[in-house]
Amino acid sequence: MDSLRGQGGIQMLLTAEQEAQQIISSARSLRMTRLKQAKDEAEREVAVYRSNMEAEYQKKIAETSPESVAKRLEEETEAKIENLKESGSKVTSDVVVMLLNFMQSKIEPTRIKERS
């Protein structure tokens, strides 16, 4: 009886060992699947980040190209010229009045001297 019982115990141990190996195998497989998913997700994130950084770099390159710098300077110069024209047109009448007053002040003393 003990020998049958020993045989059954050995069989139970072998069955338990096989079950444990299946559990370990499925856990390893699941772990590998999760690692692969994490790796794929990380690669996608890196690709998105890389493309964003590349776009930003290209934008900065375009902003600092000689053509864009020249265009920007030209636009700024035109804006300053327009501001000066506006300022000049605002004070033109004042300048004319000042010149007329100055000329009148120079002419009147001369006339007075001539009459004397």
C-alpha atoms as a PDB file:
ATOM      1  CA  MET A   1       0.000   0.000   0.000  1.00  0.00           C
ATOM      2  CA  ASP A   2       2.791   2.369   0.845  1.00  0.00           C
ATOM      3  CA  SER A   3       4.318   1.801  -2.565  1.00  0.00           C
ATOM      4  CA  LEU A   4       1.018   2.728  -4.279  1.00  0.00           C
ATOM      5  CA  ARG A   5       0.724   5.667  -2.039  1.00  0.00           C
ATOM      6  CA  GLY A   6       4.318   6.665  -2.842  1.00  0.00           C
ATOM      7  CA  GLN A   7       3.606   6.278  -6.547  1.00  0.00           C
ATOM      8  CA  GLY A   8       0.545   8.530  -6.200  1.00  0.00           C
ATOM      9  CA  GLY A   9       2.584  11.078  -4.249  1.00  0.00           C
ATOM     10  CA  ILE A  10       5.277  11.103  -6.911  1.00  0.00           C
ATOM     11  CA  GLN A  11       2.623  11.466  -9.614  1.00  0.00           C
ATOM     12  CA  MET A  12       1.075  14.379  -7.691  1.00  0.00           C
ATOM     13  CA  LEU A  13       4.486  16.037  -7.388  1.00  0.00           C
ATOM     14  CA  LEU A  14       5.144  15.598 -11.124  1.00  0.00           C
ATOM     15  CA  THR A  15       1.713  17.026 -11.957  1.00  0.00           C
ATOM     16  CA  ALA A  16       2.255  19.954  -9.601  1.00  0.00           C
ATOM     17  CA  GLU A  17       5.675  20.579 -11.145  1.00  0.00           C
ATOM     18  CA  GLN A  18       4.188  20.573 -14.657  1.00  0.00           C
ATOM     19  CA  GLU A  19       1.455  22.980 -13.572  1.00  0.00           C
ATOM     20  CA  ALA A  20       4.050  25.247 -11.964  1.00  0.00           C
ATOM     21  CA  GLN A  21       6.128  25.228 -15.157  1.00  0.00           C
ATOM     22  CA  GLN A  22       3.027  26.093 -17.220  1.00  0.00           C
ATOM     23  CA  ILE A  23       2.239  28.970 -14.867  1.00  0.00           C
ATOM     24  CA  ILE A  24       5.840  30.185 -15.049  1.00  0.00           C
ATOM     25  CA  SER A  25       5.860  29.816 -18.829  1.00  0.00           C
ATOM     26  CA  SER A  26       2.609  31.746 -19.243  1.00  0.00           C
ATOM     27  CA  ALA A  27       3.881  34.451 -16.843  1.00  0.00           C
ATOM     28  CA  ARG A  28       7.106  34.775 -18.860  1.00  0.00           C
ATOM     29  CA  SER A  29       5.128  34.930 -22.073  1.00  0.00           C
ATOM     30  CA  LEU A  30       2.839  37.609 -20.650  1.00  0.00           C
ATOM     31  CA  ARG A  31       5.854  39.548 -19.375  1.00  0.00           C
ATOM     32  CA  MET A  32       7.521  39.388 -22.790  1.00  0.00           C
ATOM     33  CA  THR A  33       4.303  40.572 -24.431  1.00  0.00           C
ATOM     34  CA  ARG A  34       4.061  43.522 -22.026  1.00  0.00           C
ATOM     35  CA  LEU A  35       7.724  44.395 -22.569  1.00  0.00           C
ATOM     36  CA  LYS A  36       7.209  44.327 -26.334  1.00  0.00           C
ATOM     37  CA  GLN A  37       4.148  46.564 -26.007  1.00  0.00           C
ATOM     38  CA  ALA A  38       6.066  48.987 -23.785  1.00  0.00           C
ATOM     39  CA  LYS A  39       8.957  49.023 -26.240  1.00  0.00           C
ATOM     40  CA  ASP A  40       6.617  49.688 -29.181  1.00  0.00           C
ATOM     41  CA  GLU A  41       4.868  52.479 -27.298  1.00  0.00           C
ATOM     42  CA  ALA A  42       8.205  54.040 -26.328  1.00  0.00           C
ATOM     43  CA  GLU A  43       9.364  53.879 -29.953  1.00  0.00           C
ATOM     44  CA  ARG A  44       6.157  55.631 -31.077  1.00  0.00           C
ATOM     45  CA  GLU A  45       6.625  58.347 -28.455  1.00  0.00           C
ATOM     46  CA  VAL A  46      10.250  58.813 -29.493  1.00  0.00           C
ATOM     47  CA  ALA A  47       9.195  59.082 -33.149  1.00  0.00           C
ATOM     48  CA  VAL A  48       6.560  61.719 -32.319  1.00  0.00           C
ATOM     49  CA  TYR A  49       9.024  63.650 -30.157  1.00  0.00           C
ATOM     50  CA  ARG A  50      11.696  63.442 -32.836  1.00  0.00           C
ATOM     51  CA  SER A  51       9.316  64.701 -35.528  1.00  0.00           C
ATOM     52  CA  ASN A  52       8.204  67.605 -33.283  1.00  0.00           C
ATOM     53  CA  MET A  53      11.803  68.554 -32.573  1.00  0.00           C
ATOM     54  CA  GLU A  54      12.692  68.298 -36.269  1.00  0.00           C
ATOM     55  CA  ALA A  55       9.750  70.562 -37.191  1.00  0.00           C
ATOM     56  CA  GLU A  56      10.805  73.092 -34.557  1.00  0.00           C
ATOM     57  CA  TYR A  57      14.387  72.960 -35.825  1.00  0.00           C
ATOM     58  CA  GLN A  58      13.301  73.484 -39.425  1.00  0.00           C
ATOM     59  CA  LYS A  59      11.148  76.421 -38.332  1.00  0.00           C
ATOM     60  CA  LYS A  60      14.116  78.037 -36.567  1.00  0.00           C
ATOM     61  CA  ILE A  61      16.324  77.426 -39.584  1.00  0.00           C
ATOM     62  CA  ALA A  62      13.729  79.096 -41.804  1.00  0.00           C
ATOM     63  CA  GLU A  63      13.461  82.061 -39.428  1.00  0.00           C
ATOM     64  CA  THR A  64      17.201  82.611 -39.388  1.00  0.00           C
ATOM     65  CA  SER A  65      17.837  82.102 -43.092  1.00  0.00           C
ATOM     66  CA  PRO A  66      19.320  85.133 -44.854  1.00  0.00           C
ATOM     67  CA  GLU A  67      16.173  85.589 -46.932  1.00  0.00           C
ATOM     68  CA  SER A  68      13.875  85.673 -43.926  1.00  0.00           C
ATOM     69  CA  VAL A  69      16.207  87.970 -41.998  1.00  0.00           C
ATOM     70  CA  ALA A  70      16.382  90.351 -44.969  1.00  0.00           C
ATOM     71  CA  LYS A  71      12.611  90.243 -45.361  1.00  0.00           C
ATOM     72  CA  ARG A  72      12.091  90.922 -41.654  1.00  0.00           C
ATOM     73  CA  LEU A  73      14.541  93.835 -41.734  1.00  0.00           C
ATOM     74  CA  GLU A  74      12.838  95.248 -44.807  1.00  0.00           C
ATOM     75  CA  GLU A  75       9.434  95.042 -43.113  1.00  0.00           C
ATOM     76  CA  GLU A  76      10.791  96.724 -39.987  1.00  0.00           C
ATOM     77  CA  THR A  77      12.403  99.470 -42.087  1.00  0.00           C
ATOM     78  CA  GLU A  78       9.167 100.085 -43.981  1.00  0.00           C
ATOM     79  CA  ALA A  79       7.266 100.329 -40.699  1.00  0.00           C
ATOM     80  CA  LYS A  80       9.783 102.848 -39.333  1.00  0.00           C
ATOM     81  CA  ILE A  81       9.580 104.904 -42.530  1.00  0.00           C
ATOM     82  CA  GLU A  82       5.797 104.983 -42.264  1.00  0.00           C
ATOM     83  CA  ASN A  83       6.046 106.100 -38.626  1.00  0.00           C
ATOM     84  CA  LEU A  84       8.441 108.887 -39.607  1.00  0.00           C
ATOM     85  CA  LYS A  85       6.132 110.004 -42.433  1.00  0.00           C
ATOM     86  CA  GLU A  86       3.182 110.098 -40.059  1.00  0.00           C
ATOM     87  CA  SER A  87       5.167 112.030 -37.462  1.00  0.00           C
ATOM     88  CA  GLY A  88       6.397 114.429 -40.139  1.00  0.00           C
ATOM     89  CA  SER A  89       2.927 115.062 -41.484  1.00  0.00           C
ATOM     90  CA  LYS A  90       1.679 115.794 -37.963  1.00  0.00           C
ATOM     91  CA  VAL A  91       4.323 118.485 -37.315  1.00  0.00           C
ATOM     92  CA  THR A  92       4.583 119.920 -40.826  1.00  0.00           C
ATOM     93  CA  SER A  93       2.098 122.703 -40.143  1.00  0.00           C
ATOM     94  CA  ASP A  94       3.852 123.603 -36.886  1.00  0.00           C
ATOM     95  CA  VAL A  95       7.201 123.803 -38.664  1.00  0.00           C
ATOM     96  CA  VAL A  96       5.752 126.026 -41.387  1.00  0.00           C
ATOM     97  CA  VAL A  97       4.293 128.369 -38.781  1.00  0.00           C
ATOM     98  CA  MET A  98       7.608 128.493 -36.934  1.00  0.00           C
ATOM     99  CA  LEU A  99       9.498 129.278 -40.145  1.00  0.00           C
ATOM    100  CA  LEU A 100       7.051 132.015 -41.085  1.00  0.00           C
ATOM    101  CA  ASN A 101       7.327 133.556 -37.633  1.00  0.00           C
ATOM    102  CA  PHE A 102      11.098 133.402 -37.825  1.00  0.00           C
ATOM    103  CA  MET A 103      11.151 134.987 -41.259  1.00  0.00           C
ATOM    104  CA  GLN A 104       8.775 137.712 -40.150  1.00  0.00           C
ATOM    105  CA  SER A 105      10.931 138.485 -37.126  1.00  0.00           C
ATOM    106  CA  LYS A 106      13.989 138.823 -39.411  1.00  0.00           C
ATOM    107  CA  ILE A 107      12.196 140.931 -42.016  1.00  0.00           C
ATOM    108  CA  GLU A 108      10.602 143.423 -39.614  1.00  0.00           C
ATOM    109  CA  PRO A 109      13.852 144.596 -37.964  1.00  0.00           C
ATOM    110  CA  THR A 110      15.379 145.002 -41.401  1.00  0.00           C
ATOM    111  CA  ARG A 111      12.441 147.182 -42.562  1.00  0.00           C
ATOM    112  CA  ILE A 112      12.683 149.283 -39.461  1.00  0.00           C
ATOM    113  CA  LYS A 113      16.396 149.895 -40.091  1.00  0.00           C
ATOM    114  CA  GLU A 114      15.718 150.796 -43.719  1.00  0.00           C
ATOM    115  CA  ARG A 115      13.053 153.340 -42.759  1.00  0.00           C
ATOM    116  CA  SER A 116      15.284 155.039 -40.281  1.00  0.00           C
END
